[in-house]
Amino acid sequence: MIDKFQSDVDLGFMSNDTLNAAKQLLGLEIITCIDGRITSGFITEVEAYLGVGDKAAHTFEGRKNKKNEMMYKPYGHIYVYSMHGHNCMNFLTTHSEPEGVLIRGIEPNMGIDIMKERRGRDNNLTDGPGKLTKSLGITRNEHNGMELNNATLIVRHGKTPAQILATPRIGIDNKEEAVDYPYRFIVEGNPHVSRFKGRAADGNGWE
């Protein structure tokens, strides 16, 4: 399937509308090759950040600094930032606006033993933005600003969500009205998302 480690995804869908791009990312498979070791997972949870007009975005009101400068690259690049010692990965969207989609959760697929080794545990490997980057081997120092679909990280077509659920984003309680924007999208019923409760759906919410 990945003999040549090549993507089969046209990233053009990320070039215009960030909210639509966020929903279209659900189900794509992120595959990494770090130190010759392959890991992957299907995207289950994302959050959209709409740049200069979004109080929860790092680029609200056009802020630009050493931490967020990679957000000003065009769509198809990644922005990795660190928070509380964890790396968080965003896929950049649009041609000219500093917008992007935080990858919050993936369902592990390939290299699960490697993920367990990297995380030092056997469960809850990828149900959060810092957890999944550690499982996949993505770091700010090594990968911030790189273009998608290279020798390190690609996306491929994977699964199709049966239902997509929109909710407010997580962990932005001090961002005034932005806390209520329904810009978090999940594969409904998939257990590999942040703060999952209840029972998993049949097939983990995939068609």
N, C-alpha and C. Protein backbone atom coordinates (compact mmCIF):
# COMPACT_ATOMS: atom_id res chain seq x y z
N MET A 1 0.81 -1.21 0.00
CA MET A 1 0.00 0.00 0.00
C MET A 1 0.85 1.26 0.00
N ILE A 2 1.95 1.29 0.77
CA ILE A 2 2.75 2.51 0.87
C ILE A 2 4.20 2.23 0.47
N ASP A 3 4.39 1.35 -0.50
CA ASP A 3 5.75 1.00 -0.91
C ASP A 3 6.57 2.23 -1.26
N LYS A 4 5.94 3.18 -1.93
CA LYS A 4 6.66 4.38 -2.34
C LYS A 4 6.36 5.56 -1.42
N PHE A 5 5.64 5.32 -0.34
CA PHE A 5 5.31 6.36 0.64
C PHE A 5 4.78 7.60 -0.08
N GLN A 6 3.73 7.39 -0.86
CA GLN A 6 3.15 8.47 -1.65
C GLN A 6 1.71 8.72 -1.25
N SER A 7 1.32 9.98 -1.32
CA SER A 7 -0.06 10.36 -1.02
C SER A 7 -0.94 10.16 -2.24
N ASP A 8 -2.23 9.89 -2.00
CA ASP A 8 -3.20 9.87 -3.09
C ASP A 8 -4.25 10.97 -2.88
N VAL A 9 -3.89 11.99 -2.10
CA VAL A 9 -4.81 13.07 -1.76
C VAL A 9 -4.39 14.37 -2.44
N ASP A 10 -5.32 15.01 -3.14
CA ASP A 10 -5.11 16.35 -3.68
C ASP A 10 -5.41 17.34 -2.56
N LEU A 11 -4.41 18.08 -2.12
CA LEU A 11 -4.57 18.98 -0.99
C LEU A 11 -5.32 20.26 -1.33
N GLY A 12 -5.77 20.38 -2.56
CA GLY A 12 -6.48 21.59 -2.98
C GLY A 12 -7.72 21.88 -2.16
N PHE A 13 -8.31 20.86 -1.52
CA PHE A 13 -9.51 21.10 -0.72
C PHE A 13 -9.23 22.00 0.48
N MET A 14 -7.95 22.16 0.84
CA MET A 14 -7.59 23.00 1.98
C MET A 14 -7.32 24.45 1.57
N SER A 15 -7.50 24.77 0.32
CA SER A 15 -7.05 26.08 -0.18
C SER A 15 -8.02 27.22 0.08
N ASN A 16 -9.28 26.93 0.41
CA ASN A 16 -10.25 28.01 0.51
C ASN A 16 -10.94 28.09 1.87
N ASP A 17 -11.93 27.23 2.07
CA ASP A 17 -12.78 27.32 3.26
C ASP A 17 -12.25 26.41 4.37
N THR A 18 -11.80 27.01 5.47
CA THR A 18 -11.17 26.24 6.54
C THR A 18 -12.15 25.32 7.25
N LEU A 19 -13.39 25.76 7.46
CA LEU A 19 -14.37 24.92 8.14
C LEU A 19 -14.69 23.68 7.31
N ASN A 20 -14.87 23.86 6.01
CA ASN A 20 -15.12 22.69 5.15
C ASN A 20 -13.90 21.78 5.08
N ALA A 21 -12.71 22.38 5.04
CA ALA A 21 -11.49 21.58 5.00
C ALA A 21 -11.37 20.73 6.26
N ALA A 22 -11.72 21.31 7.40
CA ALA A 22 -11.63 20.57 8.66
C ALA A 22 -12.48 19.30 8.61
N LYS A 23 -13.70 19.43 8.09
CA LYS A 23 -14.59 18.27 8.01
C LYS A 23 -14.07 17.24 6.99
N GLN A 24 -13.49 17.75 5.92
CA GLN A 24 -12.97 16.81 4.90
C GLN A 24 -11.72 16.07 5.35
N LEU A 25 -11.04 16.60 6.34
CA LEU A 25 -9.86 15.90 6.87
C LEU A 25 -10.25 14.64 7.65
N LEU A 26 -11.44 14.63 8.22
CA LEU A 26 -11.86 13.47 9.02
C LEU A 26 -11.85 12.21 8.16
N GLY A 27 -11.19 11.20 8.64
CA GLY A 27 -11.09 9.92 7.93
C GLY A 27 -9.82 9.75 7.12
N LEU A 28 -9.15 10.86 6.79
CA LEU A 28 -7.86 10.71 6.10
C LEU A 28 -6.86 10.04 7.02
N GLU A 29 -5.95 9.29 6.44
CA GLU A 29 -4.92 8.60 7.23
C GLU A 29 -3.63 9.41 7.21
N ILE A 30 -3.16 9.78 8.38
CA ILE A 30 -1.85 10.40 8.53
C ILE A 30 -0.82 9.28 8.68
N ILE A 31 0.21 9.31 7.85
CA ILE A 31 1.27 8.29 7.91
C ILE A 31 2.61 8.99 8.09
N THR A 32 3.38 8.59 9.08
CA THR A 32 4.71 9.15 9.28
C THR A 32 5.77 8.08 9.13
N CYS A 33 6.92 8.52 8.66
CA CYS A 33 8.11 7.67 8.61
C CYS A 33 9.22 8.42 9.33
N ILE A 34 9.43 8.07 10.59
CA ILE A 34 10.42 8.73 11.45
C ILE A 34 11.49 7.70 11.82
N ASP A 35 12.73 8.01 11.51
CA ASP A 35 13.83 7.08 11.80
C ASP A 35 13.56 5.71 11.19
N GLY A 36 12.93 5.71 10.01
CA GLY A 36 12.66 4.46 9.31
C GLY A 36 11.49 3.66 9.85
N ARG A 37 10.78 4.21 10.81
CA ARG A 37 9.66 3.49 11.43
C ARG A 37 8.34 4.14 11.03
N ILE A 38 7.41 3.33 10.57
CA ILE A 38 6.14 3.84 10.05
C ILE A 38 5.04 3.71 11.10
N THR A 39 4.31 4.80 11.29
CA THR A 39 3.12 4.80 12.13
C THR A 39 2.02 5.54 11.38
N SER A 40 0.77 5.23 11.74
CA SER A 40 -0.33 5.93 11.06
C SER A 40 -1.61 5.86 11.88
N GLY A 41 -2.54 6.73 11.51
CA GLY A 41 -3.86 6.71 12.12
C GLY A 41 -4.84 7.52 11.30
N PHE A 42 -6.13 7.19 11.44
CA PHE A 42 -7.20 7.87 10.72
C PHE A 42 -7.69 9.05 11.56
N ILE A 43 -7.82 10.21 10.94
CA ILE A 43 -8.20 11.42 11.68
C ILE A 43 -9.64 11.30 12.17
N THR A 44 -9.82 11.49 13.48
CA THR A 44 -11.13 11.36 14.11
C THR A 44 -11.65 12.66 14.70
N GLU A 45 -10.75 13.62 14.92
CA GLU A 45 -11.14 14.84 15.65
C GLU A 45 -10.26 16.00 15.19
N VAL A 46 -10.88 17.12 14.88
CA VAL A 46 -10.15 18.31 14.44
C VAL A 46 -10.80 19.56 15.04
N GLU A 47 -10.04 20.65 15.05
CA GLU A 47 -10.58 21.96 15.40
C GLU A 47 -10.11 22.99 14.39
N ALA A 48 -11.03 23.80 13.89
CA ALA A 48 -10.69 24.85 12.92
C ALA A 48 -10.40 26.15 13.66
N TYR A 49 -9.39 26.87 13.19
CA TYR A 49 -9.02 28.18 13.73
C TYR A 49 -8.94 29.17 12.58
N LEU A 50 -9.79 30.22 12.68
CA LEU A 50 -10.01 31.09 11.53
C LEU A 50 -9.24 32.40 11.59
N GLY A 51 -8.04 32.35 12.09
CA GLY A 51 -7.09 33.44 11.90
C GLY A 51 -7.45 34.77 12.55
N VAL A 52 -7.32 35.83 11.78
CA VAL A 52 -7.34 37.20 12.32
C VAL A 52 -8.66 37.56 13.00
N GLY A 53 -9.77 36.92 12.63
CA GLY A 53 -11.04 37.25 13.25
C GLY A 53 -11.48 36.29 14.33
N ASP A 54 -10.62 35.36 14.72
CA ASP A 54 -10.94 34.29 15.66
C ASP A 54 -10.11 34.49 16.93
N LYS A 55 -10.78 34.88 18.02
CA LYS A 55 -10.05 35.20 19.26
C LYS A 55 -9.30 34.01 19.83
N ALA A 56 -9.65 32.81 19.41
CA ALA A 56 -8.95 31.62 19.91
C ALA A 56 -7.74 31.26 19.06
N ALA A 57 -7.55 31.94 17.94
CA ALA A 57 -6.44 31.61 17.03
C ALA A 57 -5.16 32.31 17.46
N HIS A 58 -4.03 31.66 17.21
CA HIS A 58 -2.74 32.27 17.53
C HIS A 58 -2.46 33.50 16.69
N THR A 59 -3.18 33.65 15.58
CA THR A 59 -2.96 34.78 14.67
C THR A 59 -4.09 35.80 14.73
N PHE A 60 -4.85 35.80 15.82
CA PHE A 60 -5.94 36.77 15.98
C PHE A 60 -5.40 38.19 15.83
N GLU A 61 -6.12 38.99 15.07
CA GLU A 61 -5.77 40.38 14.78
C GLU A 61 -4.43 40.50 14.05
N GLY A 62 -4.03 39.42 13.37
CA GLY A 62 -2.81 39.47 12.58
C GLY A 62 -1.52 39.37 13.38
N ARG A 63 -1.60 38.86 14.60
CA ARG A 63 -0.37 38.71 15.40
C ARG A 63 0.63 37.84 14.66
N LYS A 64 1.88 38.25 14.74
CA LYS A 64 2.95 37.46 14.13
C LYS A 64 4.19 37.56 15.00
N ASN A 65 4.72 36.41 15.39
CA ASN A 65 5.91 36.37 16.24
C ASN A 65 6.68 35.09 15.93
N LYS A 66 7.74 34.89 16.68
CA LYS A 66 8.60 33.73 16.41
C LYS A 66 7.84 32.42 16.60
N LYS A 67 6.92 32.40 17.54
CA LYS A 67 6.17 31.17 17.81
C LYS A 67 5.22 30.81 16.68
N ASN A 68 4.51 31.80 16.14
CA ASN A 68 3.44 31.49 15.20
C ASN A 68 3.76 31.81 13.75
N GLU A 69 5.00 32.20 13.44
CA GLU A 69 5.31 32.68 12.09
C GLU A 69 5.02 31.65 11.00
N MET A 70 5.09 30.36 11.34
CA MET A 70 4.81 29.34 10.33
C MET A 70 3.34 29.29 9.94
N MET A 71 2.47 29.90 10.76
CA MET A 71 1.05 29.97 10.42
C MET A 71 0.81 30.80 9.16
N TYR A 72 1.78 31.59 8.78
CA TYR A 72 1.61 32.47 7.61
C TYR A 72 2.06 31.81 6.31
N LYS A 73 2.42 30.55 6.39
CA LYS A 73 2.68 29.80 5.16
C LYS A 73 1.35 29.43 4.51
N PRO A 74 1.34 29.09 3.21
CA PRO A 74 0.08 28.73 2.55
C PRO A 74 -0.38 27.32 2.92
N TYR A 75 -1.58 27.00 2.47
CA TYR A 75 -2.16 25.69 2.77
C TYR A 75 -1.21 24.56 2.33
N GLY A 76 -1.34 23.43 3.02
CA GLY A 76 -0.50 22.29 2.69
C GLY A 76 0.78 22.20 3.48
N HIS A 77 1.01 23.16 4.39
CA HIS A 77 2.13 23.09 5.32
C HIS A 77 1.59 22.73 6.70
N ILE A 78 2.49 22.41 7.62
CA ILE A 78 2.05 22.15 8.99
C ILE A 78 2.67 23.16 9.94
N TYR A 79 1.92 23.47 10.96
CA TYR A 79 2.35 24.37 12.03
C TYR A 79 2.33 23.55 13.31
N VAL A 80 3.49 23.41 13.93
CA VAL A 80 3.59 22.66 15.19
C VAL A 80 3.98 23.62 16.30
N TYR A 81 3.18 23.67 17.33
CA TYR A 81 3.52 24.53 18.48
C TYR A 81 3.58 23.67 19.74
N SER A 82 4.23 24.20 20.75
CA SER A 82 4.37 23.47 22.01
C SER A 82 3.52 24.12 23.09
N MET A 83 2.85 23.29 23.89
CA MET A 83 2.05 23.78 25.00
C MET A 83 2.17 22.79 26.15
N HIS A 84 2.60 23.30 27.30
CA HIS A 84 2.76 22.46 28.49
C HIS A 84 3.63 21.24 28.21
N GLY A 85 4.65 21.43 27.37
CA GLY A 85 5.58 20.35 27.07
C GLY A 85 5.12 19.39 26.00
N HIS A 86 3.96 19.65 25.41
CA HIS A 86 3.42 18.78 24.36
C HIS A 86 3.44 19.50 23.02
N ASN A 87 3.66 18.74 21.94
CA ASN A 87 3.62 19.29 20.58
C ASN A 87 2.22 19.11 20.01
N CYS A 88 1.71 20.15 19.36
CA CYS A 88 0.39 20.10 18.74
C CYS A 88 0.54 20.46 17.27
N MET A 89 -0.10 19.69 16.40
CA MET A 89 0.10 19.82 14.96
C MET A 89 -1.17 20.35 14.27
N ASN A 90 -0.96 21.40 13.46
CA ASN A 90 -2.02 21.98 12.65
C ASN A 90 -1.70 21.82 11.17
N PHE A 91 -2.72 21.56 10.37
CA PHE A 91 -2.59 21.60 8.92
C PHE A 91 -3.07 22.98 8.46
N LEU A 92 -2.22 23.71 7.75
CA LEU A 92 -2.57 25.06 7.33
C LEU A 92 -3.53 25.03 6.16
N THR A 93 -4.39 26.05 6.13
CA THR A 93 -5.42 26.17 5.09
C THR A 93 -5.34 27.55 4.45
N THR A 94 -6.00 27.72 3.34
CA THR A 94 -6.14 28.96 2.56
C THR A 94 -4.83 29.37 1.89
N HIS A 95 -4.98 30.26 0.90
CA HIS A 95 -3.82 30.78 0.17
C HIS A 95 -3.13 31.90 0.94
N SER A 96 -3.93 32.77 1.56
CA SER A 96 -3.36 34.03 2.05
C SER A 96 -3.71 34.39 3.49
N GLU A 97 -4.56 33.62 4.15
CA GLU A 97 -4.94 33.92 5.53
C GLU A 97 -4.26 32.94 6.48
N PRO A 98 -3.87 33.40 7.69
CA PRO A 98 -3.20 32.52 8.65
C PRO A 98 -4.21 31.65 9.42
N GLU A 99 -4.79 30.70 8.71
CA GLU A 99 -5.80 29.82 9.29
C GLU A 99 -5.30 28.38 9.25
N GLY A 100 -5.91 27.54 10.07
CA GLY A 100 -5.48 26.15 10.08
C GLY A 100 -6.41 25.25 10.85
N VAL A 101 -6.08 23.97 10.85
CA VAL A 101 -6.90 22.95 11.50
C VAL A 101 -6.00 22.15 12.44
N LEU A 102 -6.33 22.21 13.72
CA LEU A 102 -5.61 21.41 14.71
C LEU A 102 -6.07 19.96 14.62
N ILE A 103 -5.12 19.05 14.50
CA ILE A 103 -5.44 17.62 14.51
C ILE A 103 -5.48 17.18 15.96
N ARG A 104 -6.69 16.86 16.45
CA ARG A 104 -6.87 16.57 17.88
C ARG A 104 -6.90 15.08 18.19
N GLY A 105 -7.28 14.24 17.22
CA GLY A 105 -7.38 12.82 17.51
C GLY A 105 -7.24 11.98 16.26
N ILE A 106 -6.65 10.80 16.40
CA ILE A 106 -6.57 9.83 15.30
C ILE A 106 -6.84 8.44 15.87
N GLU A 107 -7.35 7.57 15.02
CA GLU A 107 -7.52 6.17 15.39
C GLU A 107 -6.30 5.40 14.91
N PRO A 108 -5.50 4.84 15.82
CA PRO A 108 -4.26 4.17 15.43
C PRO A 108 -4.49 3.07 14.41
N ASN A 109 -3.56 2.97 13.45
CA ASN A 109 -3.66 1.92 12.44
C ASN A 109 -2.35 1.16 12.32
N MET A 110 -1.34 1.74 11.71
CA MET A 110 -0.05 1.05 11.56
C MET A 110 0.93 1.47 12.66
N GLY A 111 1.79 0.54 13.03
CA GLY A 111 2.84 0.84 13.99
C GLY A 111 2.36 1.07 15.41
N ILE A 112 1.31 0.37 15.81
CA ILE A 112 0.76 0.59 17.15
C ILE A 112 1.78 0.24 18.24
N ASP A 113 2.60 -0.78 18.04
CA ASP A 113 3.63 -1.10 19.04
C ASP A 113 4.65 0.03 19.17
N ILE A 114 4.94 0.69 18.06
CA ILE A 114 5.85 1.84 18.10
C ILE A 114 5.21 2.99 18.87
N MET A 115 3.94 3.20 18.65
CA MET A 115 3.22 4.24 19.39
C MET A 115 3.25 3.96 20.89
N LYS A 116 3.02 2.71 21.25
CA LYS A 116 3.06 2.34 22.67
C LYS A 116 4.43 2.60 23.28
N GLU A 117 5.46 2.29 22.51
CA GLU A 117 6.83 2.54 22.98
C GLU A 117 7.08 4.04 23.17
N ARG A 118 6.67 4.83 22.20
CA ARG A 118 6.89 6.28 22.28
C ARG A 118 6.11 6.92 23.43
N ARG A 119 4.91 6.39 23.67
CA ARG A 119 4.06 6.96 24.72
C ARG A 119 4.31 6.34 26.08
N GLY A 120 4.96 5.17 26.12
CA GLY A 120 5.21 4.53 27.39
C GLY A 120 3.95 4.00 28.06
N ARG A 121 2.98 3.61 27.23
CA ARG A 121 1.72 3.08 27.75
C ARG A 121 1.03 2.27 26.66
N ASP A 122 -0.03 1.56 27.03
CA ASP A 122 -0.70 0.67 26.09
C ASP A 122 -2.05 1.18 25.60
N ASN A 123 -2.57 2.23 26.23
CA ASN A 123 -3.89 2.71 25.84
C ASN A 123 -3.91 4.24 25.77
N ASN A 124 -5.03 4.80 25.27
CA ASN A 124 -5.16 6.25 25.12
C ASN A 124 -3.94 6.85 24.43
N LEU A 125 -3.59 6.24 23.31
CA LEU A 125 -2.36 6.63 22.61
C LEU A 125 -2.50 7.91 21.80
N THR A 126 -3.70 8.17 21.30
CA THR A 126 -3.84 9.23 20.29
C THR A 126 -5.09 10.08 20.47
N ASP A 127 -5.71 10.06 21.65
CA ASP A 127 -6.97 10.78 21.87
C ASP A 127 -6.71 12.17 22.46
N GLY A 128 -5.89 12.92 21.77
CA GLY A 128 -5.55 14.28 22.16
C GLY A 128 -4.41 14.77 21.30
N PRO A 129 -4.29 16.09 21.10
CA PRO A 129 -3.31 16.61 20.14
C PRO A 129 -1.85 16.36 20.51
N GLY A 130 -1.53 16.39 21.81
CA GLY A 130 -0.17 16.11 22.23
C GLY A 130 0.14 14.62 22.21
N LYS A 131 -0.87 13.82 22.48
CA LYS A 131 -0.70 12.35 22.48
C LYS A 131 -0.41 11.85 21.07
N LEU A 132 -1.17 12.35 20.10
CA LEU A 132 -1.01 11.79 18.74
C LEU A 132 0.32 12.21 18.11
N THR A 133 0.80 13.43 18.40
CA THR A 133 2.09 13.83 17.83
C THR A 133 3.21 12.98 18.42
N LYS A 134 3.13 12.67 19.71
CA LYS A 134 4.16 11.82 20.32
C LYS A 134 4.11 10.42 19.73
N SER A 135 2.91 9.90 19.52
CA SER A 135 2.76 8.57 18.93
C SER A 135 3.29 8.52 17.51
N LEU A 136 3.07 9.61 16.76
CA LEU A 136 3.51 9.66 15.37
C LEU A 136 4.97 10.11 15.22
N GLY A 137 5.58 10.62 16.29
CA GLY A 137 6.96 11.07 16.22
C GLY A 137 7.15 12.49 15.71
N ILE A 138 6.08 13.29 15.72
CA ILE A 138 6.14 14.66 15.22
C ILE A 138 6.54 15.62 16.34
N THR A 139 7.52 16.49 16.07
CA THR A 139 7.96 17.48 17.05
C THR A 139 8.06 18.87 16.42
N ARG A 140 7.99 19.87 17.27
CA ARG A 140 8.13 21.25 16.79
C ARG A 140 9.52 21.48 16.20
N ASN A 141 10.54 21.04 16.90
CA ASN A 141 11.92 21.31 16.45
C ASN A 141 12.21 20.72 15.08
N GLU A 142 11.67 19.54 14.80
CA GLU A 142 12.00 18.84 13.56
C GLU A 142 11.03 19.11 12.42
N HIS A 143 9.78 19.42 12.72
CA HIS A 143 8.77 19.37 11.67
C HIS A 143 7.94 20.64 11.49
N ASN A 144 8.07 21.62 12.35
CA ASN A 144 7.30 22.85 12.22
C ASN A 144 7.60 23.54 10.89
N GLY A 145 6.56 23.84 10.12
CA GLY A 145 6.71 24.56 8.86
C GLY A 145 6.93 23.69 7.64
N MET A 146 7.07 22.38 7.82
CA MET A 146 7.33 21.54 6.64
C MET A 146 6.05 21.37 5.81
N GLU A 147 6.26 21.03 4.56
CA GLU A 147 5.14 20.81 3.65
C GLU A 147 4.62 19.39 3.81
N LEU A 148 3.32 19.23 3.72
CA LEU A 148 2.73 17.89 3.76
C LEU A 148 3.13 17.08 2.53
N ASN A 149 2.98 15.78 2.66
CA ASN A 149 3.25 14.84 1.56
C ASN A 149 4.71 14.89 1.11
N ASN A 150 5.57 14.63 2.08
CA ASN A 150 7.01 14.57 1.83
C ASN A 150 7.53 13.20 2.28
N ALA A 151 8.81 13.10 2.54
CA ALA A 151 9.38 11.81 2.92
C ALA A 151 9.13 11.46 4.39
N THR A 152 8.53 12.40 5.14
CA THR A 152 8.31 12.20 6.56
C THR A 152 6.85 11.98 6.91
N LEU A 153 5.97 12.77 6.30
CA LEU A 153 4.55 12.72 6.66
C LEU A 153 3.70 12.88 5.41
N ILE A 154 2.77 11.96 5.23
CA ILE A 154 1.82 12.06 4.13
C ILE A 154 0.40 11.84 4.65
N VAL A 155 -0.57 12.23 3.84
CA VAL A 155 -1.96 11.87 4.12
C VAL A 155 -2.49 11.06 2.95
N ARG A 156 -3.29 10.06 3.28
CA ARG A 156 -3.89 9.21 2.25
C ARG A 156 -5.38 9.04 2.54
N HIS A 157 -6.13 8.69 1.50
CA HIS A 157 -7.53 8.38 1.72
C HIS A 157 -7.63 7.17 2.64
N GLY A 158 -8.57 7.23 3.58
CA GLY A 158 -8.68 6.15 4.55
C GLY A 158 -10.09 5.66 4.74
N LYS A 159 -10.83 6.31 5.65
CA LYS A 159 -12.18 5.89 6.00
C LYS A 159 -13.15 7.06 5.80
N THR A 160 -14.44 6.74 5.82
CA THR A 160 -15.48 7.76 5.68
C THR A 160 -16.34 7.81 6.94
N PRO A 161 -16.47 8.97 7.58
CA PRO A 161 -17.31 9.06 8.77
C PRO A 161 -18.77 8.79 8.42
N ALA A 162 -19.45 8.04 9.29
CA ALA A 162 -20.88 7.84 9.11
C ALA A 162 -21.63 9.12 9.48
N GLN A 163 -21.16 9.80 10.54
CA GLN A 163 -21.78 11.03 10.99
C GLN A 163 -20.68 11.94 11.53
N ILE A 164 -20.76 13.23 11.20
CA ILE A 164 -19.82 14.21 11.75
C ILE A 164 -20.57 15.08 12.75
N LEU A 165 -20.01 15.22 13.93
CA LEU A 165 -20.61 16.02 15.00
C LEU A 165 -19.80 17.29 15.19
N ALA A 166 -20.48 18.44 15.25
CA ALA A 166 -19.82 19.72 15.49
C ALA A 166 -20.07 20.15 16.93
N THR A 167 -19.01 20.57 17.62
CA THR A 167 -19.12 21.01 19.01
C THR A 167 -18.22 22.24 19.21
N PRO A 168 -18.35 22.94 20.35
CA PRO A 168 -17.37 23.98 20.67
C PRO A 168 -15.99 23.37 20.85
N ARG A 169 -14.97 24.19 20.66
CA ARG A 169 -13.59 23.73 20.82
C ARG A 169 -13.26 23.53 22.29
N ILE A 170 -12.17 22.84 22.55
CA ILE A 170 -11.79 22.45 23.91
C ILE A 170 -10.62 23.31 24.41
N GLY A 171 -10.68 23.70 25.68
CA GLY A 171 -9.53 24.33 26.32
C GLY A 171 -9.30 25.78 25.96
N ILE A 172 -10.36 26.51 25.58
CA ILE A 172 -10.19 27.92 25.24
C ILE A 172 -11.17 28.77 26.05
N ASP A 173 -11.28 28.50 27.35
CA ASP A 173 -12.29 29.11 28.20
C ASP A 173 -12.17 30.61 28.35
N ASN A 174 -11.02 31.20 28.04
CA ASN A 174 -10.82 32.63 28.24
C ASN A 174 -10.87 33.43 26.94
N LYS A 175 -11.53 32.90 25.93
CA LYS A 175 -11.52 33.55 24.61
C LYS A 175 -12.88 34.15 24.24
N GLU A 176 -13.62 34.59 25.27
CA GLU A 176 -14.90 35.28 25.08
C GLU A 176 -15.84 34.51 24.15
N GLU A 177 -16.43 35.20 23.16
CA GLU A 177 -17.45 34.53 22.34
C GLU A 177 -16.90 33.35 21.55
N ALA A 178 -15.58 33.31 21.34
CA ALA A 178 -14.98 32.23 20.55
C ALA A 178 -15.13 30.87 21.22
N VAL A 179 -15.39 30.86 22.53
CA VAL A 179 -15.54 29.57 23.21
C VAL A 179 -16.78 28.82 22.72
N ASP A 180 -17.73 29.55 22.15
CA ASP A 180 -18.98 28.92 21.73
C ASP A 180 -19.02 28.53 20.26
N TYR A 181 -18.01 28.93 19.48
CA TYR A 181 -18.04 28.60 18.06
C TYR A 181 -17.98 27.08 17.87
N PRO A 182 -18.87 26.51 17.07
CA PRO A 182 -18.88 25.05 16.88
C PRO A 182 -17.86 24.62 15.83
N TYR A 183 -16.60 24.84 16.13
CA TYR A 183 -15.52 24.61 15.16
C TYR A 183 -14.72 23.35 15.44
N ARG A 184 -15.20 22.52 16.37
CA ARG A 184 -14.59 21.20 16.61
C ARG A 184 -15.46 20.17 15.91
N PHE A 185 -14.83 19.30 15.14
CA PHE A 185 -15.56 18.29 14.39
C PHE A 185 -15.00 16.92 14.74
N ILE A 186 -15.90 15.97 15.03
CA ILE A 186 -15.46 14.62 15.38
C ILE A 186 -16.25 13.59 14.59
N VAL A 187 -15.65 12.43 14.45
CA VAL A 187 -16.38 11.27 13.93
C VAL A 187 -17.25 10.77 15.08
N GLU A 188 -18.55 10.98 14.95
CA GLU A 188 -19.45 10.66 16.05
C GLU A 188 -19.36 9.17 16.40
N GLY A 189 -19.17 8.91 17.69
CA GLY A 189 -19.12 7.53 18.16
C GLY A 189 -17.75 6.89 18.12
N ASN A 190 -16.74 7.65 17.65
CA ASN A 190 -15.39 7.08 17.63
C ASN A 190 -14.73 7.32 19.00
N PRO A 191 -14.19 6.28 19.62
CA PRO A 191 -13.61 6.45 20.96
C PRO A 191 -12.25 7.13 20.99
N HIS A 192 -11.64 7.31 19.81
CA HIS A 192 -10.30 7.90 19.78
C HIS A 192 -10.38 9.42 19.59
N VAL A 193 -11.12 10.07 20.51
CA VAL A 193 -11.24 11.52 20.51
C VAL A 193 -11.05 12.01 21.95
N SER A 194 -10.80 13.29 22.10
CA SER A 194 -10.60 13.85 23.43
C SER A 194 -11.84 13.69 24.29
N ARG A 195 -11.63 13.28 25.53
CA ARG A 195 -12.69 13.23 26.55
C ARG A 195 -13.88 12.36 26.13
N PHE A 196 -13.58 11.26 25.44
CA PHE A 196 -14.67 10.38 24.99
C PHE A 196 -15.37 9.74 26.19
N LYS A 197 -16.70 9.75 26.13
CA LYS A 197 -17.51 9.09 27.15
C LYS A 197 -18.59 8.27 26.46
N GLY A 198 -19.07 7.25 27.15
CA GLY A 198 -20.15 6.44 26.61
C GLY A 198 -19.64 5.25 25.83
N ARG A 199 -20.49 4.78 24.94
CA ARG A 199 -20.17 3.59 24.16
C ARG A 199 -19.75 3.95 22.76
N ALA A 200 -18.79 3.20 22.24
CA ALA A 200 -18.36 3.41 20.85
C ALA A 200 -19.47 2.96 19.91
N ALA A 201 -19.59 3.67 18.79
CA ALA A 201 -20.55 3.30 17.76
C ALA A 201 -20.10 2.04 17.02
N ASP A 202 -21.01 1.41 16.35
CA ASP A 202 -20.64 0.28 15.51
C ASP A 202 -19.58 0.72 14.50
N GLY A 203 -18.54 -0.09 14.37
CA GLY A 203 -17.47 0.26 13.45
C GLY A 203 -16.74 1.52 13.82
N ASN A 204 -16.84 1.92 15.09
CA ASN A 204 -16.19 3.15 15.57
C ASN A 204 -16.64 4.40 14.83
N GLY A 205 -17.84 4.35 14.24
CA GLY A 205 -18.40 5.54 13.62
C GLY A 205 -18.02 5.72 12.16
N TRP A 206 -17.40 4.70 11.56
CA TRP A 206 -17.06 4.78 10.14
C TRP A 206 -18.15 4.09 9.32
N GLU A 207 -18.31 4.53 8.07
CA GLU A 207 -19.25 3.87 7.17
C GLU A 207 -18.75 2.46 6.82
